[in-house]
Structure formats: C-alpha cells, structure tokens
PDB file of N, CA and C in Angstrom:
ATOM      1  N   MET A   1       0.840  -1.164   0.000  1.00  0.00           N
ATOM      2  CA  MET A   1       0.000   0.000   0.000  1.00  0.00           C
ATOM      3  C   MET A   1       0.896   1.241   0.000  1.00  0.00           C
ATOM      4  N   VAL A   2       0.656   2.180  -0.897  1.00  0.00           N
ATOM      5  CA  VAL A   2       1.427   3.419  -0.945  1.00  0.00           C
ATOM      6  C   VAL A   2       0.583   4.530  -0.350  1.00  0.00           C
ATOM      7  N   TYR A   3       1.146   5.229   0.620  1.00  0.00           N
ATOM      8  CA  TYR A   3       0.480   6.360   1.225  1.00  0.00           C
ATOM      9  C   TYR A   3       0.961   7.626   0.550  1.00  0.00           C
ATOM     10  N   GLN A   4       0.063   8.406  -0.001  1.00  0.00           N
ATOM     11  CA  GLN A   4       0.425   9.624  -0.701  1.00  0.00           C
ATOM     12  C   GLN A   4       0.455  10.835   0.227  1.00  0.00           C
ATOM     13  N   LYS A   5       0.242  10.614   1.517  1.00  0.00           N
ATOM     14  CA  LYS A   5       0.279  11.704   2.479  1.00  0.00           C
ATOM     15  C   LYS A   5       1.706  12.180   2.674  1.00  0.00           C
ATOM     16  N   GLN A   6       1.848  13.433   3.038  1.00  0.00           N
ATOM     17  CA  GLN A   6       3.143  13.932   3.452  1.00  0.00           C
ATOM     18  C   GLN A   6       3.208  13.845   4.960  1.00  0.00           C
ATOM     19  N   ALA A   7       4.384  13.577   5.473  1.00  0.00           N
ATOM     20  CA  ALA A   7       4.564  13.464   6.917  1.00  0.00           C
ATOM     21  C   ALA A   7       5.932  13.998   7.287  1.00  0.00           C
ATOM     22  N   CYS A   8       6.086  14.381   8.532  1.00  0.00           N
ATOM     23  CA  CYS A   8       7.378  14.796   9.046  1.00  0.00           C
ATOM     24  C   CYS A   8       7.936  13.672   9.904  1.00  0.00           C
ATOM     25  N   VAL A   9       9.230  13.403   9.741  1.00  0.00           N
ATOM     26  CA  VAL A   9       9.912  12.433  10.575  1.00  0.00           C
ATOM     27  C   VAL A   9      10.950  13.203  11.377  1.00  0.00           C
ATOM     28  N   LEU A  10      10.888  13.108  12.674  1.00  0.00           N
ATOM     29  CA  LEU A  10      11.814  13.794  13.561  1.00  0.00           C
ATOM     30  C   LEU A  10      12.823  12.783  14.068  1.00  0.00           C
ATOM     31  N   THR A  11      14.112  13.053  13.847  1.00  0.00           N
ATOM     32  CA  THR A  11      15.182  12.221  14.352  1.00  0.00           C
ATOM     33  C   THR A  11      15.952  13.039  15.379  1.00  0.00           C
ATOM     34  N   VAL A  12      16.021  12.544  16.594  1.00  0.00           N
ATOM     35  CA  VAL A  12      16.710  13.268  17.662  1.00  0.00           C
ATOM     36  C   VAL A  12      17.876  12.423  18.141  1.00  0.00           C
ATOM     37  N   GLY A  13      19.066  12.994  18.058  1.00  0.00           N
ATOM     38  CA  GLY A  13      20.266  12.336  18.549  1.00  0.00           C
ATOM     39  C   GLY A  13      20.724  13.016  19.820  1.00  0.00           C
ATOM     40  N   PRO A  14      21.834  12.569  20.411  1.00  0.00           N
ATOM     41  CA  PRO A  14      22.298  13.148  21.658  1.00  0.00           C
ATOM     42  C   PRO A  14      22.665  14.626  21.541  1.00  0.00           C
ATOM     43  N   ASN A  15      23.142  15.052  20.367  1.00  0.00           N
ATOM     44  CA  ASN A  15      23.565  16.442  20.194  1.00  0.00           C
ATOM     45  C   ASN A  15      22.918  17.129  19.000  1.00  0.00           C
ATOM     46  N   SER A  16      21.902  16.516  18.432  1.00  0.00           N
ATOM     47  CA  SER A  16      21.304  17.111  17.244  1.00  0.00           C
ATOM     48  C   SER A  16      19.865  16.652  17.067  1.00  0.00           C
ATOM     49  N   ALA A  17      19.165  17.359  16.213  1.00  0.00           N
ATOM     50  CA  ALA A  17      17.803  16.981  15.834  1.00  0.00           C
ATOM     51  C   ALA A  17      17.656  17.237  14.346  1.00  0.00           C
ATOM     52  N   LYS A  18      16.888  16.402  13.675  1.00  0.00           N
ATOM     53  CA  LYS A  18      16.688  16.536  12.238  1.00  0.00           C
ATOM     54  C   LYS A  18      15.219  16.300  11.942  1.00  0.00           C
ATOM     55  N   ILE A  19      14.634  17.180  11.137  1.00  0.00           N
ATOM     56  CA  ILE A  19      13.249  17.006  10.695  1.00  0.00           C
ATOM     57  C   ILE A  19      13.283  16.804   9.189  1.00  0.00           C
ATOM     58  N   ALA A  20      12.645  15.749   8.725  1.00  0.00           N
ATOM     59  CA  ALA A  20      12.608  15.459   7.298  1.00  0.00           C
ATOM     60  C   ALA A  20      11.157  15.364   6.838  1.00  0.00           C
ATOM     61  N   LEU A  21      10.866  15.919   5.681  1.00  0.00           N
ATOM     62  CA  LEU A  21       9.544  15.808   5.077  1.00  0.00           C
ATOM     63  C   LEU A  21       9.534  14.561   4.218  1.00  0.00           C
ATOM     64  N   VAL A  22       8.621  13.656   4.509  1.00  0.00           N
ATOM     65  CA  VAL A  22       8.507  12.407   3.773  1.00  0.00           C
ATOM     66  C   VAL A  22       7.376  12.558   2.770  1.00  0.00           C
ATOM     67  N   LYS A  23       7.681  12.300   1.492  1.00  0.00           N
ATOM     68  CA  LYS A  23       6.670  12.447   0.443  1.00  0.00           C
ATOM     69  C   LYS A  23       5.703  11.280   0.415  1.00  0.00           C
ATOM     70  N   SER A  24       6.213  10.088   0.587  1.00  0.00           N
ATOM     71  CA  SER A  24       5.347   8.918   0.643  1.00  0.00           C
ATOM     72  C   SER A  24       6.056   7.824   1.401  1.00  0.00           C
ATOM     73  N   ILE A  25       5.285   6.930   1.972  1.00  0.00           N
ATOM     74  CA  ILE A  25       5.843   5.806   2.700  1.00  0.00           C
ATOM     75  C   ILE A  25       5.331   4.538   2.045  1.00  0.00           C
ATOM     76  N   VAL A  26       6.235   3.613   1.794  1.00  0.00           N
ATOM     77  CA  VAL A  26       5.874   2.345   1.173  1.00  0.00           C
ATOM     78  C   VAL A  26       5.988   1.267   2.235  1.00  0.00           C
ATOM     79  N   GLU A  27       4.923   0.555   2.467  1.00  0.00           N
ATOM     80  CA  GLU A  27       4.930  -0.505   3.462  1.00  0.00           C
ATOM     81  C   GLU A  27       5.583  -1.761   2.899  1.00  0.00           C
ATOM     82  N   GLU A  28       6.006  -2.628   3.780  1.00  0.00           N
ATOM     83  CA  GLU A  28       6.711  -3.859   3.424  1.00  0.00           C
ATOM     84  C   GLU A  28       5.926  -4.719   2.443  1.00  0.00           C
ATOM     85  N   ASN A  29       4.618  -4.810   2.607  1.00  0.00           N
ATOM     86  CA  ASN A  29       3.826  -5.707   1.771  1.00  0.00           C
ATOM     87  C   ASN A  29       3.351  -5.055   0.478  1.00  0.00           C
ATOM     88  N   ASP A  30       3.883  -3.907   0.141  1.00  0.00           N
ATOM     89  CA  ASP A  30       3.503  -3.201  -1.076  1.00  0.00           C
ATOM     90  C   ASP A  30       4.080  -3.921  -2.295  1.00  0.00           C
ATOM     91  N   SER A  31       3.244  -4.263  -3.253  1.00  0.00           N
ATOM     92  CA  SER A  31       3.713  -4.970  -4.438  1.00  0.00           C
ATOM     93  C   SER A  31       4.602  -4.091  -5.314  1.00  0.00           C
ATOM     94  N   GLU A  32       4.507  -2.766  -5.191  1.00  0.00           N
ATOM     95  CA  GLU A  32       5.358  -1.869  -5.965  1.00  0.00           C
ATOM     96  C   GLU A  32       6.718  -1.670  -5.315  1.00  0.00           C
ATOM     97  N   SER A  33       6.866  -2.070  -4.071  1.00  0.00           N
ATOM     98  CA  SER A  33       8.102  -1.854  -3.339  1.00  0.00           C
ATOM     99  C   SER A  33       9.232  -2.677  -3.933  1.00  0.00           C
ATOM    100  N   LYS A  34      10.404  -2.066  -3.992  1.00  0.00           N
ATOM    101  CA  LYS A  34      11.582  -2.757  -4.484  1.00  0.00           C
ATOM    102  C   LYS A  34      12.492  -3.170  -3.332  1.00  0.00           C
ATOM    103  N   ILE A  35      11.999  -3.076  -2.107  1.00  0.00           N
ATOM    104  CA  ILE A  35      12.767  -3.465  -0.937  1.00  0.00           C
ATOM    105  C   ILE A  35      11.977  -4.514  -0.162  1.00  0.00           C
ATOM    106  N   LYS A  36      12.628  -5.619   0.162  1.00  0.00           N
ATOM    107  CA  LYS A  36      12.019  -6.682   0.959  1.00  0.00           C
ATOM    108  C   LYS A  36      12.837  -6.841   2.227  1.00  0.00           C
ATOM    109  N   PHE A  37      12.158  -7.002   3.362  1.00  0.00           N
ATOM    110  CA  PHE A  37      12.789  -7.111   4.667  1.00  0.00           C
ATOM    111  C   PHE A  37      12.594  -8.518   5.217  1.00  0.00           C
ATOM    112  N   TYR A  38      13.639  -9.114   5.817  1.00  0.00           N
ATOM    113  CA  TYR A  38      13.518 -10.441   6.419  1.00  0.00           C
ATOM    114  C   TYR A  38      14.717 -10.724   7.310  1.00  0.00           C
ATOM    115  N   PRO A  39      14.684 -11.671   8.219  1.00  0.00           N
ATOM    116  CA  PRO A  39      13.501 -12.388   8.705  1.00  0.00           C
ATOM    117  C   PRO A  39      12.718 -11.516   9.682  1.00  0.00           C
ATOM    118  N   ASN A  40      11.516 -11.854   9.900  1.00  0.00           N
ATOM    119  CA  ASN A  40      10.697 -11.141  10.868  1.00  0.00           C
ATOM    120  C   ASN A  40       9.821 -12.165  11.570  1.00  0.00           C
ATOM    121  N   PRO A  41      10.073 -12.482  12.810  1.00  0.00           N
ATOM    122  CA  PRO A  41      10.952 -11.823  13.767  1.00  0.00           C
ATOM    123  C   PRO A  41      12.436 -12.096  13.485  1.00  0.00           C
ATOM    124  N   VAL A  42      13.274 -11.184  13.989  1.00  0.00           N
ATOM    125  CA  VAL A  42      14.721 -11.263  13.800  1.00  0.00           C
ATOM    126  C   VAL A  42      15.384 -11.599  15.132  1.00  0.00           C
ATOM    127  N   ILE A  43      16.458 -12.384  15.058  1.00  0.00           N
ATOM    128  CA  ILE A  43      17.223 -12.698  16.268  1.00  0.00           C
ATOM    129  C   ILE A  43      18.479 -11.830  16.315  1.00  0.00           C
ATOM    130  N   ASP A  44      19.315 -11.898  15.279  1.00  0.00           N
ATOM    131  CA  ASP A  44      20.562 -11.135  15.269  1.00  0.00           C
ATOM    132  C   ASP A  44      20.744 -10.266  14.032  1.00  0.00           C
ATOM    133  N   VAL A  45      20.527 -10.825  12.835  1.00  0.00           N
ATOM    134  CA  VAL A  45      20.824 -10.116  11.593  1.00  0.00           C
ATOM    135  C   VAL A  45      19.547  -9.858  10.803  1.00  0.00           C
ATOM    136  N   PHE A  46      19.352  -8.594  10.419  1.00  0.00           N
ATOM    137  CA  PHE A  46      18.192  -8.160   9.639  1.00  0.00           C
ATOM    138  C   PHE A  46      18.679  -7.883   8.221  1.00  0.00           C
ATOM    139  N   THR A  47      18.016  -8.453   7.233  1.00  0.00           N
ATOM    140  CA  THR A  47      18.439  -8.335   5.842  1.00  0.00           C
ATOM    141  C   THR A  47      17.345  -7.669   5.031  1.00  0.00           C
ATOM    142  N   PHE A  48      17.740  -6.900   4.031  1.00  0.00           N
ATOM    143  CA  PHE A  48      16.791  -6.257   3.138  1.00  0.00           C
ATOM    144  C   PHE A  48      17.326  -6.353   1.726  1.00  0.00           C
ATOM    145  N   ASP A  49      16.462  -6.752   0.787  1.00  0.00           N
ATOM    146  CA  ASP A  49      16.809  -6.791  -0.631  1.00  0.00           C
ATOM    147  C   ASP A  49      16.492  -5.423  -1.206  1.00  0.00           C
ATOM    148  N   ILE A  50      17.499  -4.795  -1.799  1.00  0.00           N
ATOM    149  CA  ILE A  50      17.361  -3.414  -2.241  1.00  0.00           C
ATOM    150  C   ILE A  50      17.616  -3.295  -3.733  1.00  0.00           C
ATOM    151  N   ASN A  51      16.760  -2.556  -4.410  1.00  0.00           N
ATOM    152  CA  ASN A  51      16.972  -2.180  -5.794  1.00  0.00           C
ATOM    153  C   ASN A  51      17.716  -0.848  -5.774  1.00  0.00           C
ATOM    154  N   LYS A  52      18.920  -0.796  -6.333  1.00  0.00           N
ATOM    155  CA  LYS A  52      19.723   0.435  -6.313  1.00  0.00           C
ATOM    156  C   LYS A  52      18.996   1.622  -6.943  1.00  0.00           C
ATOM    157  N   ASN A  53      18.055   1.361  -7.841  1.00  0.00           N
ATOM    158  CA  ASN A  53      17.294   2.452  -8.463  1.00  0.00           C
ATOM    159  C   ASN A  53      16.351   3.122  -7.475  1.00  0.00           C
ATOM    160  N   GLU A  54      16.014   2.446  -6.384  1.00  0.00           N
ATOM    161  CA  GLU A  54      15.119   3.002  -5.369  1.00  0.00           C
ATOM    162  C   GLU A  54      15.853   3.858  -4.347  1.00  0.00           C
ATOM    163  N   ILE A  55      17.092   3.468  -3.982  1.00  0.00           N
ATOM    164  CA  ILE A  55      17.796   4.188  -2.919  1.00  0.00           C
ATOM    165  C   ILE A  55      19.151   4.747  -3.335  1.00  0.00           C
ATOM    166  N   GLY A  56      19.642   4.457  -4.538  1.00  0.00           N
ATOM    167  CA  GLY A  56      20.993   4.849  -4.896  1.00  0.00           C
ATOM    168  C   GLY A  56      21.968   3.840  -4.317  1.00  0.00           C
ATOM    169  N   THR A  57      23.255   4.182  -4.303  1.00  0.00           N
ATOM    170  CA  THR A  57      24.245   3.226  -3.803  1.00  0.00           C
ATOM    171  C   THR A  57      24.307   3.198  -2.288  1.00  0.00           C
ATOM    172  N   LYS A  58      24.021   4.324  -1.635  1.00  0.00           N
ATOM    173  CA  LYS A  58      24.005   4.379  -0.174  1.00  0.00           C
ATOM    174  C   LYS A  58      22.793   5.179   0.273  1.00  0.00           C
ATOM    175  N   SER A  59      22.304   4.857   1.459  1.00  0.00           N
ATOM    176  CA  SER A  59      21.136   5.539   1.993  1.00  0.00           C
ATOM    177  C   SER A  59      21.194   5.509   3.514  1.00  0.00           C
ATOM    178  N   THR A  60      20.276   6.230   4.139  1.00  0.00           N
ATOM    179  CA  THR A  60      20.212   6.261   5.596  1.00  0.00           C
ATOM    180  C   THR A  60      19.063   5.388   6.081  1.00  0.00           C
ATOM    181  N   ALA A  61      19.341   4.570   7.076  1.00  0.00           N
ATOM    182  CA  ALA A  61      18.317   3.746   7.714  1.00  0.00           C
ATOM    183  C   ALA A  61      18.208   4.175   9.172  1.00  0.00           C
ATOM    184  N   THR A  62      16.996   4.154   9.690  1.00  0.00           N
ATOM    185  CA  THR A  62      16.744   4.578  11.060  1.00  0.00           C
ATOM    186  C   THR A  62      15.825   3.578  11.742  1.00  0.00           C
ATOM    187  N   ILE A  63      16.096   3.315  13.018  1.00  0.00           N
ATOM    188  CA  ILE A  63      15.266   2.418  13.822  1.00  0.00           C
ATOM    189  C   ILE A  63      14.668   3.217  14.973  1.00  0.00           C
ATOM    190  N   TYR A  64      13.354   3.017  15.181  1.00  0.00           N
ATOM    191  CA  TYR A  64      12.627   3.615  16.309  1.00  0.00           C
ATOM    192  C   TYR A  64      11.983   2.485  17.095  1.00  0.00           C
ATOM    193  N   ASP A  65      11.795   2.682  18.402  1.00  0.00           N
ATOM    194  CA  ASP A  65      11.058   1.680  19.158  1.00  0.00           C
ATOM    195  C   ASP A  65       9.565   1.892  18.945  1.00  0.00           C
ATOM    196  N   SER A  66       8.745   1.048  19.544  1.00  0.00           N
ATOM    197  CA  SER A  66       7.303   1.095  19.293  1.00  0.00           C
ATOM    198  C   SER A  66       6.638   2.357  19.835  1.00  0.00           C
ATOM    199  N   SER A  67       7.316   3.097  20.713  1.00  0.00           N
ATOM    200  CA  SER A  67       6.759   4.361  21.211  1.00  0.00           C
ATOM    201  C   SER A  67       7.212   5.554  20.374  1.00  0.00           C
ATOM    202  N   GLY A  68       8.030   5.297  19.331  1.00  0.00           N
ATOM    203  CA  GLY A  68       8.507   6.372  18.469  1.00  0.00           C
ATOM    204  C   GLY A  68       9.838   6.963  18.888  1.00  0.00           C
ATOM    205  N   MET A  69      10.478   6.403  19.903  1.00  0.00           N
ATOM    206  CA  MET A  69      11.768   6.883  20.390  1.00  0.00           C
ATOM    207  C   MET A  69      12.876   6.444  19.429  1.00  0.00           C
ATOM    208  N   PHE A  70      13.722   7.402  19.049  1.00  0.00           N
ATOM    209  CA  PHE A  70      14.867   7.120  18.185  1.00  0.00           C
ATOM    210  C   PHE A  70      15.793   6.130  18.877  1.00  0.00           C
ATOM    211  N   ILE A  71      16.211   5.081  18.132  1.00  0.00           N
ATOM    212  CA  ILE A  71      17.120   4.074  18.670  1.00  0.00           C
ATOM    213  C   ILE A  71      18.478   4.148  17.996  1.00  0.00           C
ATOM    214  N   GLN A  72      18.490   4.145  16.662  1.00  0.00           N
ATOM    215  CA  GLN A  72      19.755   4.067  15.946  1.00  0.00           C
ATOM    216  C   GLN A  72      19.572   4.550  14.513  1.00  0.00           C
ATOM    217  N   SER A  73      20.592   5.186  13.974  1.00  0.00           N
ATOM    218  CA  SER A  73      20.599   5.595  12.577  1.00  0.00           C
ATOM    219  C   SER A  73      21.950   5.212  11.990  1.00  0.00           C
ATOM    220  N   PHE A  74      21.964   4.783  10.740  1.00  0.00           N
ATOM    221  CA  PHE A  74      23.212   4.349  10.121  1.00  0.00           C
ATOM    222  C   PHE A  74      23.085   4.417   8.607  1.00  0.00           C
ATOM    223  N   VAL A  75      24.226   4.397   7.940  1.00  0.00           N
ATOM    224  CA  VAL A  75      24.262   4.393   6.477  1.00  0.00           C
ATOM    225  C   VAL A  75      24.276   2.947   6.015  1.00  0.00           C
ATOM    226  N   ILE A  76      23.419   2.649   5.039  1.00  0.00           N
ATOM    227  CA  ILE A  76      23.402   1.296   4.469  1.00  0.00           C
ATOM    228  C   ILE A  76      23.938   1.355   3.048  1.00  0.00           C
ATOM    229  N   ASP A  77      24.499   0.268   2.639  1.00  0.00           N
ATOM    230  CA  ASP A  77      25.107   0.137   1.322  1.00  0.00           C
ATOM    231  C   ASP A  77      24.348  -0.946   0.572  1.00  0.00           C
ATOM    232  N   ALA A  78      23.925  -0.654  -0.646  1.00  0.00           N
ATOM    233  CA  ALA A  78      23.137  -1.613  -1.424  1.00  0.00           C
ATOM    234  C   ALA A  78      23.898  -2.918  -1.666  1.00  0.00           C
ATOM    235  N   SER A  79      25.236  -2.872  -1.630  1.00  0.00           N
ATOM    236  CA  SER A  79      26.009  -4.084  -1.868  1.00  0.00           C
ATOM    237  C   SER A  79      26.162  -4.934  -0.603  1.00  0.00           C
ATOM    238  N   ASN A  80      25.791  -4.389   0.568  1.00  0.00           N
ATOM    239  CA  ASN A  80      25.857  -5.133   1.829  1.00  0.00           C
ATOM    240  C   ASN A  80      24.559  -4.901   2.600  1.00  0.00           C
ATOM    241  N   PRO A  81      23.485  -5.557   2.198  1.00  0.00           N
ATOM    242  CA  PRO A  81      22.152  -5.246   2.727  1.00  0.00           C
ATOM    243  C   PRO A  81      21.766  -5.955   4.028  1.00  0.00           C
ATOM    244  N   SER A  82      22.689  -6.070   4.967  1.00  0.00           N
ATOM    245  CA  SER A  82      22.380  -6.692   6.252  1.00  0.00           C
ATOM    246  C   SER A  82      22.923  -5.833   7.376  1.00  0.00           C
ATOM    247  N   ILE A  83      22.212  -5.838   8.509  1.00  0.00           N
ATOM    248  CA  ILE A  83      22.693  -5.133   9.689  1.00  0.00           C
ATOM    249  C   ILE A  83      22.554  -6.046  10.902  1.00  0.00           C
ATOM    250  N   SER A  84      23.449  -5.873  11.847  1.00  0.00           N
ATOM    251  CA  SER A  84      23.390  -6.639  13.081  1.00  0.00           C
ATOM    252  C   SER A  84      22.497  -5.905  14.070  1.00  0.00           C
ATOM    253  N   LEU A  85      21.579  -6.634  14.662  1.00  0.00           N
ATOM    254  CA  LEU A  85      20.678  -6.080  15.671  1.00  0.00           C
ATOM    255  C   LEU A  85      20.868  -6.766  17.015  1.00  0.00           C
ATOM    256  N   LYS A  86      22.044  -7.345  17.233  1.00  0.00           N
ATOM    257  CA  LYS A  86      22.332  -8.052  18.481  1.00  0.00           C
ATOM    258  C   LYS A  86      22.156  -7.162  19.698  1.00  0.00           C
ATOM    259  N   SER A  87      22.466  -5.869  19.561  1.00  0.00           N
ATOM    260  CA  SER A  87      22.430  -4.971  20.720  1.00  0.00           C
ATOM    261  C   SER A  87      21.015  -4.518  21.100  1.00  0.00           C
ATOM    262  N   LEU A  88      20.026  -4.756  20.226  1.00  0.00           N
ATOM    263  CA  LEU A  88      18.655  -4.351  20.545  1.00  0.00           C
ATOM    264  C   LEU A  88      18.025  -5.288  21.562  1.00  0.00           C
ATOM    265  N   LYS A  89      17.247  -4.704  22.468  1.00  0.00           N
ATOM    266  CA  LYS A  89      16.476  -5.505  23.404  1.00  0.00           C
ATOM    267  C   LYS A  89      15.279  -6.110  22.666  1.00  0.00           C
ATOM    268  N   PRO A  90      14.753  -7.227  23.121  1.00  0.00           N
ATOM    269  CA  PRO A  90      13.554  -7.791  22.493  1.00  0.00           C
ATOM    270  C   PRO A  90      12.398  -6.784  22.514  1.00  0.00           C
ATOM    271  N   GLY A  91      11.661  -6.729  21.420  1.00  0.00           N
ATOM    272  CA  GLY A  91      10.527  -5.822  21.333  1.00  0.00           C
ATOM    273  C   GLY A  91      10.109  -5.584  19.901  1.00  0.00           C
ATOM    274  N   ILE A  92       9.213  -4.618  19.709  1.00  0.00           N
ATOM    275  CA  ILE A  92       8.708  -4.247  18.388  1.00  0.00           C
ATOM    276  C   ILE A  92       9.368  -2.931  17.990  1.00  0.00           C
ATOM    277  N   TYR A  93       9.862  -2.868  16.750  1.00  0.00           N
ATOM    278  CA  TYR A  93      10.583  -1.701  16.258  1.00  0.00           C
ATOM    279  C   TYR A  93      10.062  -1.281  14.886  1.00  0.00           C
ATOM    280  N   LEU A  94      10.339  -0.053  14.523  1.00  0.00           N
ATOM    281  CA  LEU A  94      10.037   0.484  13.196  1.00  0.00           C
ATOM    282  C   LEU A  94      11.359   0.734  12.494  1.00  0.00           C
ATOM    283  N   PHE A  95      11.445   0.325  11.245  1.00  0.00           N
ATOM    284  CA  PHE A  95      12.669   0.440  10.452  1.00  0.00           C
ATOM    285  C   PHE A  95      12.371   1.267   9.213  1.00  0.00           C
ATOM    286  N   TYR A  96      13.105   2.344   8.994  1.00  0.00           N
ATOM    287  CA  TYR A  96      12.910   3.229   7.842  1.00  0.00           C
ATOM    288  C   TYR A  96      14.176   3.293   7.009  1.00  0.00           C
ATOM    289  N   ILE A  97      14.020   3.273   5.687  1.00  0.00           N
ATOM    290  CA  ILE A  97      15.117   3.520   4.766  1.00  0.00           C
ATOM    291  C   ILE A  97      14.717   4.700   3.899  1.00  0.00           C
ATOM    292  N   GLU A  98      15.544   5.735   3.868  1.00  0.00           N
ATOM    293  CA  GLU A  98      15.281   6.899   3.030  1.00  0.00           C
ATOM    294  C   GLU A  98      15.722   6.589   1.604  1.00  0.00           C
ATOM    295  N   GLY A  99      14.745   6.499   0.701  1.00  0.00           N
ATOM    296  CA  GLY A  99      15.039   6.236  -0.698  1.00  0.00           C
ATOM    297  C   GLY A  99      15.229   7.527  -1.465  1.00  0.00           C
ATOM    298  N   LEU A 100      15.366   7.422  -2.769  1.00  0.00           N
ATOM    299  CA  LEU A 100      15.556   8.606  -3.600  1.00  0.00           C
ATOM    300  C   LEU A 100      14.307   9.473  -3.640  1.00  0.00           C
ATOM    301  N   ASN A 101      13.126   8.845  -3.736  1.00  0.00           N
ATOM    302  CA  ASN A 101      11.870   9.592  -3.805  1.00  0.00           C
ATOM    303  C   ASN A 101      10.844   9.164  -2.770  1.00  0.00           C
ATOM    304  N   LYS A 102      11.160   8.142  -1.975  1.00  0.00           N
ATOM    305  CA  LYS A 102      10.220   7.591  -1.010  1.00  0.00           C
ATOM    306  C   LYS A 102      10.977   7.170   0.230  1.00  0.00           C
ATOM    307  N   THR A 103      10.244   6.984   1.304  1.00  0.00           N
ATOM    308  CA  THR A 103      10.798   6.360   2.497  1.00  0.00           C
ATOM    309  C   THR A 103      10.124   5.005   2.649  1.00  0.00           C
ATOM    310  N   PHE A 104      10.934   3.955   2.737  1.00  0.00           N
ATOM    311  CA  PHE A 104      10.426   2.607   2.892  1.00  0.00           C
ATOM    312  C   PHE A 104      10.426   2.262   4.368  1.00  0.00           C
ATOM    313  N   SER A 105       9.400   1.566   4.810  1.00  0.00           N
ATOM    314  CA  SER A 105       9.327   1.242   6.235  1.00  0.00           C
ATOM    315  C   SER A 105       8.742  -0.141   6.466  1.00  0.00           C
ATOM    316  N   THR A 106       9.060  -0.669   7.630  1.00  0.00           N
ATOM    317  CA  THR A 106       8.456  -1.910   8.077  1.00  0.00           C
ATOM    318  C   THR A 106       8.523  -1.966   9.598  1.00  0.00           C
ATOM    319  N   LYS A 107       7.643  -2.733  10.167  1.00  0.00           N
ATOM    320  CA  LYS A 107       7.727  -3.055  11.595  1.00  0.00           C
ATOM    321  C   LYS A 107       8.426  -4.390  11.685  1.00  0.00           C
ATOM    322  N   PHE A 108       9.234  -4.563  12.733  1.00  0.00           N
ATOM    323  CA  PHE A 108       9.838  -5.876  12.927  1.00  0.00           C
ATOM    324  C   PHE A 108       9.887  -6.193  14.415  1.00  0.00           C
ATOM    325  N   ILE A 109       9.982  -7.469  14.695  1.00  0.00           N
ATOM    326  CA  ILE A 109      10.058  -7.944  16.073  1.00  0.00           C
ATOM    327  C   ILE A 109      11.473  -8.449  16.306  1.00  0.00           C
ATOM    328  N   LYS A 110      12.083  -7.973  17.382  1.00  0.00           N
ATOM    329  CA  LYS A 110      13.397  -8.461  17.802  1.00  0.00           C
ATOM    330  C   LYS A 110      13.164  -9.459  18.922  1.00  0.00           C
ATOM    331  N   GLU A 111      13.629 -10.673  18.725  1.00  0.00           N
ATOM    332  CA  GLU A 111      13.465 -11.722  19.760  1.00  0.00           C
ATOM    333  C   GLU A 111      14.658 -11.727  20.685  1.00  0.00           C
TER     334      GLU A 111
END
C-alpha cells in the first residue's frame, strides 16, 4: 500500500535533531516496493533486498522503538544489505530507509 500523504519524521540524537519531510511511505507488503525485509521476527541479523534504483548506492536507515523513540541511525550500502541487531532488546521496532523519492518502512520484532 502506498500512502500519498506527506509526513514529518523527527530524528533526535544526543547532540542534534533533524526534521525530514517524507513524500510517501511504502509498506513492506507493497507490491510496488523494491525493498524486501527479512527475517521477521529477527534474532541477530536483519536483511533487506534493495533495488539500487530506489535508494541509490548508499542511503540512511533509522530504527525507532514502538513508542517512536529514536534508537539508531546508520548508512546502508546496497552491496551489503544486512545489519546486526544483536544490541537491541527484544521488542517491536520500526525500520525506515530513506530512498531517492520515497521512504520505505516496516515493523519488525526483535526476539
């Protein structure tokens, strides 16, 4: 499902804050999405299949907890589409990838 609404995403770090205007958000189960997330639930490593045309060669990914609290932000590389989530406590999280024209998102469970 593609949401055509505009939204603001606020990222707050220890010494900075960033507000980004999101043009559209593509959910994980969207048939038009070029990004697939797995496994869900995740134990240690979270993988995403990325089409370089959707995000370019590098992009920013952000994780929030279920209450919307910023957890972690990092740069992802289309040639290495996995991240370690060993340090996360078990729970429900939101994962966002800033694409070229869209922000892709999914909810995931950390066991």
